Structures are given as structure tokens and as C-alpha cells.
């Protein structure tokens, strides 16, 4: 699973860079950080968390 998460982030970073939304230096720095990261935050384990306001009226 960790490999899939790394691949997903790598693809997302590449897409953001190709669209010109981040500089090459930022892209390379993020990839280096990704390569050296030991663990990912809970955000990748639970990507969708509904807020209380979103569930009160029945609409997610």
C-alpha cells in the first residue's frame, strides 16, 4: 500500500508540474522529500472525511 501511495503522489506532483502550477525546483524538492519520507499522514489513509455541516442537510 505504501508503494501505491508514493506512486499516486508522484503522479499528482508530475501533473501539477506539467501544468506549470509549481516550479521545477519545487517539483524536485517535493520528489526528494517523497523519496525520503518514512510514513504518510492519515490524509492518505482516510482521504474523505465529511464535516458536520455537510451531513446535517443530507448532502455530502
C-alpha atoms as a PDB file:
ATOM      1  CA  UNK A   1       0.000   0.000   0.000  1.00  0.00           C
ATOM      2  CA  UNK A   2       2.802   2.423   0.795  1.00  0.00           C
ATOM      3  CA  UNK A   3       4.219   1.934  -2.705  1.00  0.00           C
ATOM      4  CA  UNK A   4       0.851   2.743  -4.249  1.00  0.00           C
ATOM      5  CA  UNK A   5       0.591   5.896  -2.124  1.00  0.00           C
ATOM      6  CA  UNK A   6       4.041   7.019  -3.224  1.00  0.00           C
ATOM      7  CA  UNK A   7       3.173   6.342  -6.860  1.00  0.00           C
ATOM      8  CA  UNK A   8      -0.076   8.299  -6.536  1.00  0.00           C
ATOM      9  CA  UNK A   9       1.681  11.325  -5.032  1.00  0.00           C
ATOM     10  CA  UNK A  10       4.421  11.101  -7.672  1.00  0.00           C
ATOM     11  CA  UNK A  11       1.835  11.136 -10.478  1.00  0.00           C
ATOM     12  CA  UNK A  12      -0.014  14.056  -8.871  1.00  0.00           C
ATOM     13  CA  UNK A  13       3.212  16.034  -8.480  1.00  0.00           C
ATOM     14  CA  UNK A  14       4.112  15.366 -12.104  1.00  0.00           C
ATOM     15  CA  UNK A  15       0.705  16.549 -13.266  1.00  0.00           C
ATOM     16  CA  UNK A  16       0.898  19.738 -11.212  1.00  0.00           C
ATOM     17  CA  UNK A  17       4.395  20.444 -12.562  1.00  0.00           C
ATOM     18  CA  UNK A  18       3.423  19.773 -16.201  1.00  0.00           C
ATOM     19  CA  UNK A  19       0.553  22.249 -15.872  1.00  0.00           C
ATOM     20  CA  UNK A  20       3.002  24.911 -14.721  1.00  0.00           C
ATOM     21  CA  UNK A  21       1.478  25.276 -11.264  1.00  0.00           C
ATOM     22  CA  UNK A  22       4.784  24.698  -9.453  1.00  0.00           C
ATOM     23  CA  UNK A  23       8.364  25.440 -10.416  1.00  0.00           C
ATOM     24  CA  UNK A  24      10.891  22.781 -11.363  1.00  0.00           C
ATOM     25  CA  UNK A  25      12.751  23.438  -8.122  1.00  0.00           C
ATOM     26  CA  UNK A  26       9.577  22.885  -6.071  1.00  0.00           C
ATOM     27  CA  UNK A  27       8.809  19.732  -8.049  1.00  0.00           C
ATOM     28  CA  UNK A  28      12.279  18.269  -7.493  1.00  0.00           C
ATOM     29  CA  UNK A  29      12.229  19.224  -3.818  1.00  0.00           C
ATOM     30  CA  UNK A  30       8.847  17.562  -3.318  1.00  0.00           C
ATOM     31  CA  UNK A  31      10.020  14.399  -5.103  1.00  0.00           C
ATOM     32  CA  UNK A  32      13.139  14.269  -2.930  1.00  0.00           C
ATOM     33  CA  UNK A  33      11.029  14.700   0.197  1.00  0.00           C
ATOM     34  CA  UNK A  34       8.690  11.978  -1.015  1.00  0.00           C
ATOM     35  CA  UNK A  35      11.607   9.604  -1.588  1.00  0.00           C
ATOM     36  CA  UNK A  36      12.954  10.160   1.920  1.00  0.00           C
ATOM     37  CA  UNK A  37       9.595  10.120   3.734  1.00  0.00           C
ATOM     38  CA  UNK A  38       9.229   7.254   6.173  1.00  0.00           C
ATOM     39  CA  UNK A  39       5.452   7.432   6.545  1.00  0.00           C
ATOM     40  CA  UNK A  40       2.490   9.289   5.140  1.00  0.00           C
ATOM     41  CA  UNK A  41      -0.037  11.279   7.149  1.00  0.00           C
ATOM     42  CA  UNK A  42      -3.516   9.968   7.876  1.00  0.00           C
ATOM     43  CA  UNK A  43      -4.782  12.071   4.984  1.00  0.00           C
ATOM     44  CA  UNK A  44      -3.821   9.292   2.597  1.00  0.00           C
ATOM     45  CA  UNK A  45      -5.389   6.617   4.764  1.00  0.00           C
ATOM     46  CA  UNK A  46      -8.724   8.428   5.119  1.00  0.00           C
ATOM     47  CA  UNK A  47      -8.959  10.871   2.182  1.00  0.00           C
ATOM     48  CA  UNK A  48     -12.672  11.635   2.591  1.00  0.00           C
ATOM     49  CA  UNK A  49     -13.972  12.970   5.904  1.00  0.00           C
ATOM     50  CA  UNK A  50     -17.377  14.601   5.868  1.00  0.00           C
ATOM     51  CA  UNK A  51     -17.844  17.636   8.042  1.00  0.00           C
ATOM     52  CA  UNK A  52     -20.768  18.010  10.416  1.00  0.00           C
ATOM     53  CA  UNK A  53     -22.217  20.813   8.298  1.00  0.00           C
ATOM     54  CA  UNK A  54     -22.148  18.681   5.153  1.00  0.00           C
ATOM     55  CA  UNK A  55     -24.149  15.889   6.729  1.00  0.00           C
ATOM     56  CA  UNK A  56     -26.803  17.930   8.578  1.00  0.00           C
ATOM     57  CA  UNK A  57     -28.899  18.656   5.488  1.00  0.00           C
ATOM     58  CA  UNK A  58     -28.326  15.231   3.956  1.00  0.00           C
ATOM     59  CA  UNK A  59     -25.952  16.420   1.233  1.00  0.00           C
ATOM     60  CA  UNK A  60     -22.352  15.231   1.357  1.00  0.00           C
END
